């Protein structure tokens, strides 16, 4: 009798398992979202673009203006038209937090509109070199730093994105940043190791260049060997070194040699930073106490008080 009861119990467990498996298959990736991503912590790794953010002097500042009706030459307003819009005059596609396609340096490399959709979500690795940068602001990450990370957290996954935390972005948006000749970067042997030995998708860094050598040798190698890269990444101090994902988005500009990117880290629900879809109102989004208004001095819209109503 005990044997029969055990068999029946085992059969019931198998039936439950098969039912769960069938449900998971019928729901596709929805189960992944509701089981994990809905309660995950989301962290924005992106600088806000304004007309005054740091940019290489060779490009110059961009301009924002209020969109106008071409028929009347009058500005669109909430009061008159029921909406407002903004006109953007960007002086470069190398601005703020970026996604650099190989075409930035290589005319035979893919432009940003030729980057495959498969780059959208990847495992995220964050290698922290801040201790060495505090001693030498021009420190360039070495292969030894990769080995030290892997000794502590395990092997860097194939196809992952590796962001290098230097805390350079803590000084953002100081206009002195693009003038610095010394800044944190990555050595050529280290970038080759990440791509050739660990087969990563791409790497990213906080400064606006990959390295501080006279010829930008690491950046030259990356972009001439078919690899994109991320630049101007922010808030890496708020991301777990292991176990997070990164969501990657950028505009699909025809023949684009660069792109204004948005990177979002998606970390486990137990992580101490970030917001969760379960705790942050999304549908509808909360309204603010004060209006979004055009500032004639700053030349863009802003909200004086960002508290919610």
C-alpha atoms as a PDB file:
ATOM      1  CA  UNK A   1       0.000   0.000   0.000  1.00  0.00           C
ATOM      2  CA  UNK A   2       2.878   2.329   0.898  1.00  0.00           C
ATOM      3  CA  UNK A   3       4.457   1.570  -2.493  1.00  0.00           C
ATOM      4  CA  UNK A   4       1.216   2.394  -4.322  1.00  0.00           C
ATOM      5  CA  UNK A   5       0.884   5.691  -2.371  1.00  0.00           C
ATOM      6  CA  UNK A   6       4.454   6.629  -3.282  1.00  0.00           C
ATOM      7  CA  UNK A   7       3.832   5.876  -6.957  1.00  0.00           C
ATOM      8  CA  UNK A   8       0.636   7.927  -6.943  1.00  0.00           C
ATOM      9  CA  UNK A   9       2.419  10.834  -5.223  1.00  0.00           C
ATOM     10  CA  UNK A  10       5.246  10.694  -7.772  1.00  0.00           C
ATOM     11  CA  UNK A  11       2.753  10.610 -10.618  1.00  0.00           C
ATOM     12  CA  UNK A  12       0.994  13.671  -9.196  1.00  0.00           C
ATOM     13  CA  UNK A  13       4.296  15.558  -8.970  1.00  0.00           C
ATOM     14  CA  UNK A  14       5.162  14.656 -12.551  1.00  0.00           C
ATOM     15  CA  UNK A  15       1.722  15.755 -13.720  1.00  0.00           C
ATOM     16  CA  UNK A  16       2.173  19.108 -11.944  1.00  0.00           C
ATOM     17  CA  UNK A  17       5.627  19.529 -13.469  1.00  0.00           C
ATOM     18  CA  UNK A  18       4.363  18.723 -16.963  1.00  0.00           C
ATOM     19  CA  UNK A  19       1.448  21.137 -16.506  1.00  0.00           C
ATOM     20  CA  UNK A  20       3.838  23.908 -15.381  1.00  0.00           C
ATOM     21  CA  UNK A  21       6.103  23.162 -18.332  1.00  0.00           C
ATOM     22  CA  UNK A  22       3.172  23.253 -20.755  1.00  0.00           C
ATOM     23  CA  UNK A  23       1.982  26.559 -19.280  1.00  0.00           C
ATOM     24  CA  UNK A  24       5.472  28.029 -19.582  1.00  0.00           C
ATOM     25  CA  UNK A  25       5.706  26.930 -23.215  1.00  0.00           C
ATOM     26  CA  UNK A  26       2.280  28.297 -24.070  1.00  0.00           C
ATOM     27  CA  UNK A  27       3.135  31.648 -22.464  1.00  0.00           C
ATOM     28  CA  UNK A  28       6.504  31.864 -24.168  1.00  0.00           C
ATOM     29  CA  UNK A  29       8.717  34.549 -22.641  1.00  0.00           C
ATOM     30  CA  UNK A  30       5.846  36.116 -20.699  1.00  0.00           C
ATOM     31  CA  UNK A  31       6.688  33.797 -17.818  1.00  0.00           C
ATOM     32  CA  UNK A  32      10.231  35.160 -17.795  1.00  0.00           C
ATOM     33  CA  UNK A  33       8.869  38.669 -17.370  1.00  0.00           C
ATOM     34  CA  UNK A  34       6.311  37.915 -14.652  1.00  0.00           C
ATOM     35  CA  UNK A  35       8.570  35.503 -12.760  1.00  0.00           C
ATOM     36  CA  UNK A  36      11.693  37.693 -12.813  1.00  0.00           C
ATOM     37  CA  UNK A  37      11.647  40.991 -14.678  1.00  0.00           C
ATOM     38  CA  UNK A  38       8.485  42.459 -13.162  1.00  0.00           C
ATOM     39  CA  UNK A  39      10.062  42.489  -9.696  1.00  0.00           C
ATOM     40  CA  UNK A  40      13.588  43.303 -10.899  1.00  0.00           C
ATOM     41  CA  UNK A  41      15.354  46.600 -10.133  1.00  0.00           C
ATOM     42  CA  UNK A  42      15.896  48.949 -13.084  1.00  0.00           C
ATOM     43  CA  UNK A  43      18.760  51.472 -13.068  1.00  0.00           C
ATOM     44  CA  UNK A  44      19.266  54.153 -15.728  1.00  0.00           C
ATOM     45  CA  UNK A  45      22.897  54.327 -16.880  1.00  0.00           C
ATOM     46  CA  UNK A  46      22.309  57.303 -19.162  1.00  0.00           C
ATOM     47  CA  UNK A  47      23.163  61.012 -18.988  1.00  0.00           C
ATOM     48  CA  UNK A  48      20.386  63.448 -19.839  1.00  0.00           C
ATOM     49  CA  UNK A  49      21.114  65.368 -23.037  1.00  0.00           C
ATOM     50  CA  UNK A  50      21.041  69.161 -22.744  1.00  0.00           C
ATOM     51  CA  UNK A  51      22.558  71.813 -25.041  1.00  0.00           C
ATOM     52  CA  UNK A  52      25.411  72.226 -22.559  1.00  0.00           C
ATOM     53  CA  UNK A  53      26.669  68.737 -21.799  1.00  0.00           C
ATOM     54  CA  UNK A  54      30.418  68.053 -22.236  1.00  0.00           C
ATOM     55  CA  UNK A  55      31.395  67.427 -25.854  1.00  0.00           C
ATOM     56  CA  UNK A  56      34.628  67.398 -27.857  1.00  0.00           C
ATOM     57  CA  UNK A  57      35.495  70.965 -28.906  1.00  0.00           C
ATOM     58  CA  UNK A  58      35.653  69.861 -32.527  1.00  0.00           C
ATOM     59  CA  UNK A  59      31.882  69.367 -32.579  1.00  0.00           C
ATOM     60  CA  UNK A  60      30.523  72.334 -30.623  1.00  0.00           C
ATOM     61  CA  UNK A  61      27.305  72.675 -28.639  1.00  0.00           C
ATOM     62  CA  UNK A  62      23.905  71.595 -29.895  1.00  0.00           C
ATOM     63  CA  UNK A  63      20.821  73.806 -29.889  1.00  0.00           C
ATOM     64  CA  UNK A  64      17.291  73.177 -28.645  1.00  0.00           C
ATOM     65  CA  UNK A  65      14.400  75.407 -29.680  1.00  0.00           C
ATOM     66  CA  UNK A  66      10.622  75.473 -29.536  1.00  0.00           C
ATOM     67  CA  UNK A  67       9.069  73.885 -32.611  1.00  0.00           C
ATOM     68  CA  UNK A  68       7.180  76.270 -34.897  1.00  0.00           C
ATOM     69  CA  UNK A  69       4.393  75.952 -37.412  1.00  0.00           C
ATOM     70  CA  UNK A  70       6.053  76.380 -40.844  1.00  0.00           C
ATOM     71  CA  UNK A  71       2.852  77.881 -42.263  1.00  0.00           C
ATOM     72  CA  UNK A  72       2.499  80.655 -39.660  1.00  0.00           C
ATOM     73  CA  UNK A  73       6.020  80.749 -38.205  1.00  0.00           C
ATOM     74  CA  UNK A  74       4.411  80.712 -34.761  1.00  0.00           C
ATOM     75  CA  UNK A  75       5.518  78.601 -31.808  1.00  0.00           C
ATOM     76  CA  UNK A  76       3.263  75.696 -30.883  1.00  0.00           C
ATOM     77  CA  UNK A  77       1.805  76.180 -27.386  1.00  0.00           C
ATOM     78  CA  UNK A  78      -0.404  74.161 -25.068  1.00  0.00           C
ATOM     79  CA  UNK A  79      -2.826  77.073 -24.806  1.00  0.00           C
ATOM     80  CA  UNK A  80      -3.145  77.731 -28.544  1.00  0.00           C
ATOM     81  CA  UNK A  81      -2.538  74.318 -30.126  1.00  0.00           C
ATOM     82  CA  UNK A  82      -3.094  71.810 -27.334  1.00  0.00           C
ATOM     83  CA  UNK A  83       0.484  70.538 -27.539  1.00  0.00           C
ATOM     84  CA  UNK A  84       4.114  71.625 -27.637  1.00  0.00           C
ATOM     85  CA  UNK A  85       7.124  70.174 -29.436  1.00  0.00           C
ATOM     86  CA  UNK A  86      10.862  70.721 -29.527  1.00  0.00           C
ATOM     87  CA  UNK A  87      13.291  71.181 -32.413  1.00  0.00           C
ATOM     88  CA  UNK A  88      16.753  69.715 -31.896  1.00  0.00           C
ATOM     89  CA  UNK A  89      19.848  70.829 -33.788  1.00  0.00           C
ATOM     90  CA  UNK A  90      22.514  68.307 -32.835  1.00  0.00           C
ATOM     91  CA  UNK A  91      26.033  69.175 -33.977  1.00  0.00           C
ATOM     92  CA  UNK A  92      27.162  65.546 -33.778  1.00  0.00           C
ATOM     93  CA  UNK A  93      25.978  61.985 -33.205  1.00  0.00           C
ATOM     94  CA  UNK A  94      28.798  61.636 -30.645  1.00  0.00           C
ATOM     95  CA  UNK A  95      26.934  63.204 -27.752  1.00  0.00           C
ATOM     96  CA  UNK A  96      26.434  62.219 -24.122  1.00  0.00           C
ATOM     97  CA  UNK A  97      25.811  58.532 -23.469  1.00  0.00           C
ATOM     98  CA  UNK A  98      26.561  56.903 -26.813  1.00  0.00           C
ATOM     99  CA  UNK A  99      26.585  53.721 -28.830  1.00  0.00           C
ATOM    100  CA  UNK A 100      29.547  53.750 -31.202  1.00  0.00           C
ATOM    101  CA  UNK A 101      29.162  51.479 -34.254  1.00  0.00           C
ATOM    102  CA  UNK A 102      32.311  50.426 -36.145  1.00  0.00           C
ATOM    103  CA  UNK A 103      31.432  52.919 -38.909  1.00  0.00           C
ATOM    104  CA  UNK A 104      32.501  55.714 -36.553  1.00  0.00           C
ATOM    105  CA  UNK A 105      36.099  54.963 -37.626  1.00  0.00           C
ATOM    106  CA  UNK A 106      35.771  52.325 -40.331  1.00  0.00           C
ATOM    107  CA  UNK A 107      33.875  53.086 -43.581  1.00  0.00           C
ATOM    108  CA  UNK A 108      33.536  49.330 -44.169  1.00  0.00           C
ATOM    109  CA  UNK A 109      32.081  48.726 -40.706  1.00  0.00           C
ATOM    110  CA  UNK A 110      28.339  48.697 -39.986  1.00  0.00           C
ATOM    111  CA  UNK A 111      26.563  51.979 -39.313  1.00  0.00           C
ATOM    112  CA  UNK A 112      24.179  52.279 -36.397  1.00  0.00           C
ATOM    113  CA  UNK A 113      21.141  51.367 -38.516  1.00  0.00           C
ATOM    114  CA  UNK A 114      22.975  48.188 -39.556  1.00  0.00           C
ATOM    115  CA  UNK A 115      23.446  46.922 -35.989  1.00  0.00           C
ATOM    116  CA  UNK A 116      21.344  43.751 -35.518  1.00  0.00           C
ATOM    117  CA  UNK A 117      18.358  43.750 -33.182  1.00  0.00           C
ATOM    118  CA  UNK A 118      19.947  40.880 -31.238  1.00  0.00           C
ATOM    119  CA  UNK A 119      22.048  43.332 -29.205  1.00  0.00           C
ATOM    120  CA  UNK A 120      18.949  44.488 -27.296  1.00  0.00           C
ATOM    121  CA  UNK A 121      19.412  42.519 -24.034  1.00  0.00           C
ATOM    122  CA  UNK A 122      22.608  40.997 -22.664  1.00  0.00           C
ATOM    123  CA  UNK A 123      24.265  39.811 -19.432  1.00  0.00           C
ATOM    124  CA  UNK A 124      26.034  42.780 -17.823  1.00  0.00           C
ATOM    125  CA  UNK A 125      29.468  42.645 -16.203  1.00  0.00           C
ATOM    126  CA  UNK A 126      30.771  45.663 -14.261  1.00  0.00           C
ATOM    127  CA  UNK A 127      34.513  45.751 -13.575  1.00  0.00           C
ATOM    128  CA  UNK A 128      35.409  48.280 -10.877  1.00  0.00           C
ATOM    129  CA  UNK A 129      38.772  50.052 -11.252  1.00  0.00           C
ATOM    130  CA  UNK A 130      37.923  53.015  -8.994  1.00  0.00           C
ATOM    131  CA  UNK A 131      40.528  52.137  -6.350  1.00  0.00           C
ATOM    132  CA  UNK A 132      43.318  52.434  -8.921  1.00  0.00           C
ATOM    133  CA  UNK A 133      41.784  55.524 -10.530  1.00  0.00           C
ATOM    134  CA  UNK A 134      41.859  57.283  -7.135  1.00  0.00           C
ATOM    135  CA  UNK A 135      45.622  56.828  -7.101  1.00  0.00           C
ATOM    136  CA  UNK A 136      46.068  57.613 -10.813  1.00  0.00           C
ATOM    137  CA  UNK A 137      43.237  59.409 -12.615  1.00  0.00           C
ATOM    138  CA  UNK A 138      44.731  58.295 -15.935  1.00  0.00           C
ATOM    139  CA  UNK A 139      44.765  54.602 -15.016  1.00  0.00           C
ATOM    140  CA  UNK A 140      44.093  52.262 -17.944  1.00  0.00           C
ATOM    141  CA  UNK A 141      42.468  48.918 -17.116  1.00  0.00           C
ATOM    142  CA  UNK A 142      44.796  45.950 -17.593  1.00  0.00           C
ATOM    143  CA  UNK A 143      44.359  42.216 -18.151  1.00  0.00           C
ATOM    144  CA  UNK A 144      45.215  41.746 -14.459  1.00  0.00           C
ATOM    145  CA  UNK A 145      42.029  43.631 -13.550  1.00  0.00           C
ATOM    146  CA  UNK A 146      40.006  41.162 -15.620  1.00  0.00           C
ATOM    147  CA  UNK A 147      41.686  38.231 -13.875  1.00  0.00           C
ATOM    148  CA  UNK A 148      40.979  39.823 -10.483  1.00  0.00           C
ATOM    149  CA  UNK A 149      37.296  40.205 -11.382  1.00  0.00           C
ATOM    150  CA  UNK A 150      37.019  36.586 -12.557  1.00  0.00           C
ATOM    151  CA  UNK A 151      38.770  35.283  -9.445  1.00  0.00           C
ATOM    152  CA  UNK A 152      36.051  36.924  -7.349  1.00  0.00           C
ATOM    153  CA  UNK A 153      32.957  36.595  -9.558  1.00  0.00           C
ATOM    154  CA  UNK A 154      33.666  33.843 -12.074  1.00  0.00           C
ATOM    155  CA  UNK A 155      34.379  33.784 -15.784  1.00  0.00           C
ATOM    156  CA  UNK A 156      32.976  36.606 -17.910  1.00  0.00           C
ATOM    157  CA  UNK A 157      30.110  35.136 -19.992  1.00  0.00           C
ATOM    158  CA  UNK A 158      30.342  34.858 -23.752  1.00  0.00           C
ATOM    159  CA  UNK A 159      28.267  37.494 -25.534  1.00  0.00           C
ATOM    160  CA  UNK A 160      28.044  39.721 -22.476  1.00  0.00           C
ATOM    161  CA  UNK A 161      28.505  43.471 -22.208  1.00  0.00           C
ATOM    162  CA  UNK A 162      31.367  44.639 -19.988  1.00  0.00           C
ATOM    163  CA  UNK A 163      31.134  48.120 -18.479  1.00  0.00           C
ATOM    164  CA  UNK A 164      34.200  49.584 -16.774  1.00  0.00           C
ATOM    165  CA  UNK A 165      33.450  51.554 -13.632  1.00  0.00           C
ATOM    166  CA  UNK A 166      35.892  54.402 -13.020  1.00  0.00           C
ATOM    167  CA  UNK A 167      33.576  57.047 -11.450  1.00  0.00           C
ATOM    168  CA  UNK A 168      34.760  59.515 -14.111  1.00  0.00           C
ATOM    169  CA  UNK A 169      31.089  60.366 -14.611  1.00  0.00           C
ATOM    170  CA  UNK A 170      30.856  61.700 -11.035  1.00  0.00           C
ATOM    171  CA  UNK A 171      32.262  64.959 -12.444  1.00  0.00           C
ATOM    172  CA  UNK A 172      29.560  65.147 -15.147  1.00  0.00           C
ATOM    173  CA  UNK A 173      28.463  67.605 -16.557  1.00  0.00           C
ATOM    174  CA  UNK A 174      31.645  69.614 -15.926  1.00  0.00           C
ATOM    175  CA  UNK A 175      32.720  71.251 -19.200  1.00  0.00           C
ATOM    176  CA  UNK A 176      36.338  70.573 -18.238  1.00  0.00           C
ATOM    177  CA  UNK A 177      35.930  66.833 -18.833  1.00  0.00           C
ATOM    178  CA  UNK A 178      36.530  66.873 -22.622  1.00  0.00           C
ATOM    179  CA  UNK A 179      39.674  68.969 -22.053  1.00  0.00           C
ATOM    180  CA  UNK A 180      41.392  66.390 -19.859  1.00  0.00           C
ATOM    181  CA  UNK A 181      44.350  64.668 -21.502  1.00  0.00           C
ATOM    182  CA  UNK A 182      44.451  62.028 -18.771  1.00  0.00           C
ATOM    183  CA  UNK A 183      41.372  60.009 -17.922  1.00  0.00           C
ATOM    184  CA  UNK A 184      40.506  56.381 -17.039  1.00  0.00           C
ATOM    185  CA  UNK A 185      40.552  53.946 -19.959  1.00  0.00           C
ATOM    186  CA  UNK A 186      41.457  50.434 -21.055  1.00  0.00           C
ATOM    187  CA  UNK A 187      44.749  49.124 -22.410  1.00  0.00           C
ATOM    188  CA  UNK A 188      44.989  47.475 -25.810  1.00  0.00           C
ATOM    189  CA  UNK A 189      45.926  44.046 -24.336  1.00  0.00           C
ATOM    190  CA  UNK A 190      42.897  44.205 -22.023  1.00  0.00           C
ATOM    191  CA  UNK A 191      40.404  45.087 -24.761  1.00  0.00           C
ATOM    192  CA  UNK A 192      41.857  42.369 -26.986  1.00  0.00           C
ATOM    193  CA  UNK A 193      41.547  39.881 -24.127  1.00  0.00           C
ATOM    194  CA  UNK A 194      37.878  40.697 -23.569  1.00  0.00           C
ATOM    195  CA  UNK A 195      37.038  40.193 -27.240  1.00  0.00           C
ATOM    196  CA  UNK A 196      39.445  37.422 -28.244  1.00  0.00           C
ATOM    197  CA  UNK A 197      39.514  35.344 -25.044  1.00  0.00           C
ATOM    198  CA  UNK A 198      36.078  36.043 -23.577  1.00  0.00           C
ATOM    199  CA  UNK A 199      34.101  36.764 -26.778  1.00  0.00           C
ATOM    200  CA  UNK A 200      32.139  39.648 -25.276  1.00  0.00           C
ATOM    201  CA  UNK A 201      29.584  41.542 -27.368  1.00  0.00           C
ATOM    202  CA  UNK A 202      31.049  44.957 -26.577  1.00  0.00           C
ATOM    203  CA  UNK A 203      32.516  46.982 -23.751  1.00  0.00           C
ATOM    204  CA  UNK A 204      31.603  50.386 -22.355  1.00  0.00           C
ATOM    205  CA  UNK A 205      33.250  53.132 -20.335  1.00  0.00           C
ATOM    206  CA  UNK A 206      32.343  56.359 -18.573  1.00  0.00           C
ATOM    207  CA  UNK A 207      34.682  58.781 -20.431  1.00  0.00           C
ATOM    208  CA  UNK A 208      34.041  59.939 -23.996  1.00  0.00           C
ATOM    209  CA  UNK A 209      37.039  58.021 -25.375  1.00  0.00           C
ATOM    210  CA  UNK A 210      38.276  54.463 -24.892  1.00  0.00           C
ATOM    211  CA  UNK A 211      41.830  55.274 -23.814  1.00  0.00           C
ATOM    212  CA  UNK A 212      44.133  58.272 -23.422  1.00  0.00           C
ATOM    213  CA  UNK A 213      46.974  57.234 -25.736  1.00  0.00           C
ATOM    214  CA  UNK A 214      47.964  59.792 -28.419  1.00  0.00           C
ATOM    215  CA  UNK A 215      46.424  57.660 -31.183  1.00  0.00           C
ATOM    216  CA  UNK A 216      43.539  56.194 -29.124  1.00  0.00           C
ATOM    217  CA  UNK A 217      44.966  52.764 -29.873  1.00  0.00           C
ATOM    218  CA  UNK A 218      42.298  50.782 -27.988  1.00  0.00           C
ATOM    219  CA  UNK A 219      39.450  52.654 -29.673  1.00  0.00           C
ATOM    220  CA  UNK A 220      41.164  52.238 -33.038  1.00  0.00           C
ATOM    221  CA  UNK A 221      41.438  48.465 -32.562  1.00  0.00           C
ATOM    222  CA  UNK A 222      37.847  48.057 -31.339  1.00  0.00           C
ATOM    223  CA  UNK A 223      36.192  49.951 -34.189  1.00  0.00           C
ATOM    224  CA  UNK A 224      38.438  48.530 -36.916  1.00  0.00           C
ATOM    225  CA  UNK A 225      37.774  44.951 -35.792  1.00  0.00           C
ATOM    226  CA  UNK A 226      34.002  44.986 -36.095  1.00  0.00           C
ATOM    227  CA  UNK A 227      33.172  45.765 -32.480  1.00  0.00           C
ATOM    228  CA  UNK A 228      30.850  48.541 -31.279  1.00  0.00           C
ATOM    229  CA  UNK A 229      31.348  50.205 -27.908  1.00  0.00           C
ATOM    230  CA  UNK A 230      29.489  52.295 -25.332  1.00  0.00           C
ATOM    231  CA  UNK A 231      30.756  55.685 -24.180  1.00  0.00           C
ATOM    232  CA  UNK A 232      29.585  58.176 -21.579  1.00  0.00           C
ATOM    233  CA  UNK A 233      27.978  55.509 -19.384  1.00  0.00           C
ATOM    234  CA  UNK A 234      26.706  56.696 -15.963  1.00  0.00           C
ATOM    235  CA  UNK A 235      25.657  55.345 -12.541  1.00  0.00           C
ATOM    236  CA  UNK A 236      27.833  52.240 -12.624  1.00  0.00           C
ATOM    237  CA  UNK A 237      28.341  52.628  -8.874  1.00  0.00           C
ATOM    238  CA  UNK A 238      24.709  51.565  -8.474  1.00  0.00           C
ATOM    239  CA  UNK A 239      24.977  48.303 -10.456  1.00  0.00           C
ATOM    240  CA  UNK A 240      25.908  44.856  -9.135  1.00  0.00           C
ATOM    241  CA  UNK A 241      29.186  43.575 -10.600  1.00  0.00           C
ATOM    242  CA  UNK A 242      27.529  40.278 -11.527  1.00  0.00           C
ATOM    243  CA  UNK A 243      24.030  38.970 -12.179  1.00  0.00           C
ATOM    244  CA  UNK A 244      22.379  41.929 -13.934  1.00  0.00           C
ATOM    245  CA  UNK A 245      21.231  42.370 -17.521  1.00  0.00           C
ATOM    246  CA  UNK A 246      21.566  45.463 -19.698  1.00  0.00           C
ATOM    247  CA  UNK A 247      18.861  46.737 -22.022  1.00  0.00           C
ATOM    248  CA  UNK A 248      20.335  48.611 -24.986  1.00  0.00           C
ATOM    249  CA  UNK A 249      18.476  51.194 -27.052  1.00  0.00           C
ATOM    250  CA  UNK A 250      19.433  53.818 -29.620  1.00  0.00           C
ATOM    251  CA  UNK A 251      17.781  55.638 -32.546  1.00  0.00           C
ATOM    252  CA  UNK A 252      18.038  53.947 -35.941  1.00  0.00           C
ATOM    253  CA  UNK A 253      19.711  56.792 -37.841  1.00  0.00           C
ATOM    254  CA  UNK A 254      20.354  56.111 -41.548  1.00  0.00           C
ATOM    255  CA  UNK A 255      24.087  55.690 -42.057  1.00  0.00           C
ATOM    256  CA  UNK A 256      24.671  56.843 -38.486  1.00  0.00           C
ATOM    257  CA  UNK A 257      28.290  56.891 -37.296  1.00  0.00           C
ATOM    258  CA  UNK A 258      27.153  57.194 -33.688  1.00  0.00           C
ATOM    259  CA  UNK A 259      24.020  57.240 -31.631  1.00  0.00           C
ATOM    260  CA  UNK A 260      22.419  58.768 -28.591  1.00  0.00           C
ATOM    261  CA  UNK A 261      21.953  55.653 -26.493  1.00  0.00           C
ATOM    262  CA  UNK A 262      20.012  54.639 -23.424  1.00  0.00           C
ATOM    263  CA  UNK A 263      21.341  51.820 -21.273  1.00  0.00           C
ATOM    264  CA  UNK A 264      19.193  50.346 -18.506  1.00  0.00           C
ATOM    265  CA  UNK A 265      20.639  47.870 -16.011  1.00  0.00           C
ATOM    266  CA  UNK A 266      18.153  45.212 -14.878  1.00  0.00           C
ATOM    267  CA  UNK A 267      19.238  43.743 -11.547  1.00  0.00           C
ATOM    268  CA  UNK A 268      17.744  41.101  -9.211  1.00  0.00           C
ATOM    269  CA  UNK A 269      14.824  42.171  -7.023  1.00  0.00           C
ATOM    270  CA  UNK A 270      17.030  41.920  -3.930  1.00  0.00           C
ATOM    271  CA  UNK A 271      19.496  44.542  -5.238  1.00  0.00           C
ATOM    272  CA  UNK A 272      19.640  47.722  -3.123  1.00  0.00           C
ATOM    273  CA  UNK A 273      19.382  50.241  -5.984  1.00  0.00           C
ATOM    274  CA  UNK A 274      16.854  50.895  -8.725  1.00  0.00           C
ATOM    275  CA  UNK A 275      13.103  50.951  -9.178  1.00  0.00           C
ATOM    276  CA  UNK A 276      10.702  48.119  -9.917  1.00  0.00           C
ATOM    277  CA  UNK A 277       7.570  47.937 -12.103  1.00  0.00           C
ATOM    278  CA  UNK A 278       5.844  46.539  -9.030  1.00  0.00           C
ATOM    279  CA  UNK A 279       6.600  49.630  -6.951  1.00  0.00           C
ATOM    280  CA  UNK A 280       6.790  52.506  -9.449  1.00  0.00           C
ATOM    281  CA  UNK A 281       3.465  53.631 -10.983  1.00  0.00           C
ATOM    282  CA  UNK A 282       3.520  53.218 -14.762  1.00  0.00           C
ATOM    283  CA  UNK A 283      -0.017  53.037 -16.111  1.00  0.00           C
ATOM    284  CA  UNK A 284      -0.919  55.790 -15.782  1.00  0.00           C
ATOM    285  CA  UNK A 285       2.319  57.570 -14.898  1.00  0.00           C
ATOM    286  CA  UNK A 286       2.142  59.992 -12.002  1.00  0.00           C
ATOM    287  CA  UNK A 287       1.723  63.690 -12.723  1.00  0.00           C
ATOM    288  CA  UNK A 288       4.023  66.357 -11.318  1.00  0.00           C
ATOM    289  CA  UNK A 289       2.975  69.302  -9.155  1.00  0.00           C
ATOM    290  CA  UNK A 290       4.468  71.886 -11.505  1.00  0.00           C
ATOM    291  CA  UNK A 291       4.319  72.400 -15.255  1.00  0.00           C
ATOM    292  CA  UNK A 292       7.073  71.612 -17.735  1.00  0.00           C
ATOM    293  CA  UNK A 293       8.062  75.070 -18.997  1.00  0.00           C
ATOM    294  CA  UNK A 294      10.441  76.460 -21.607  1.00  0.00           C
ATOM    295  CA  UNK A 295      13.381  78.342 -20.096  1.00  0.00           C
ATOM    296  CA  UNK A 296      14.507  81.182 -22.386  1.00  0.00           C
ATOM    297  CA  UNK A 297      17.901  81.367 -20.694  1.00  0.00           C
ATOM    298  CA  UNK A 298      18.757  77.665 -20.698  1.00  0.00           C
ATOM    299  CA  UNK A 299      17.013  77.052 -24.037  1.00  0.00           C
ATOM    300  CA  UNK A 300      15.238  73.862 -23.065  1.00  0.00           C
ATOM    301  CA  UNK A 301      12.206  72.760 -21.055  1.00  0.00           C
ATOM    302  CA  UNK A 302      12.517  71.898 -17.408  1.00  0.00           C
ATOM    303  CA  UNK A 303      10.451  71.496 -14.297  1.00  0.00           C
ATOM    304  CA  UNK A 304      11.372  73.705 -11.355  1.00  0.00           C
ATOM    305  CA  UNK A 305      10.052  71.178  -8.847  1.00  0.00           C
ATOM    306  CA  UNK A 306      10.152  67.478  -9.734  1.00  0.00           C
ATOM    307  CA  UNK A 307       7.935  66.285  -6.897  1.00  0.00           C
ATOM    308  CA  UNK A 308       4.757  64.423  -7.704  1.00  0.00           C
ATOM    309  CA  UNK A 309       1.221  65.717  -7.214  1.00  0.00           C
END
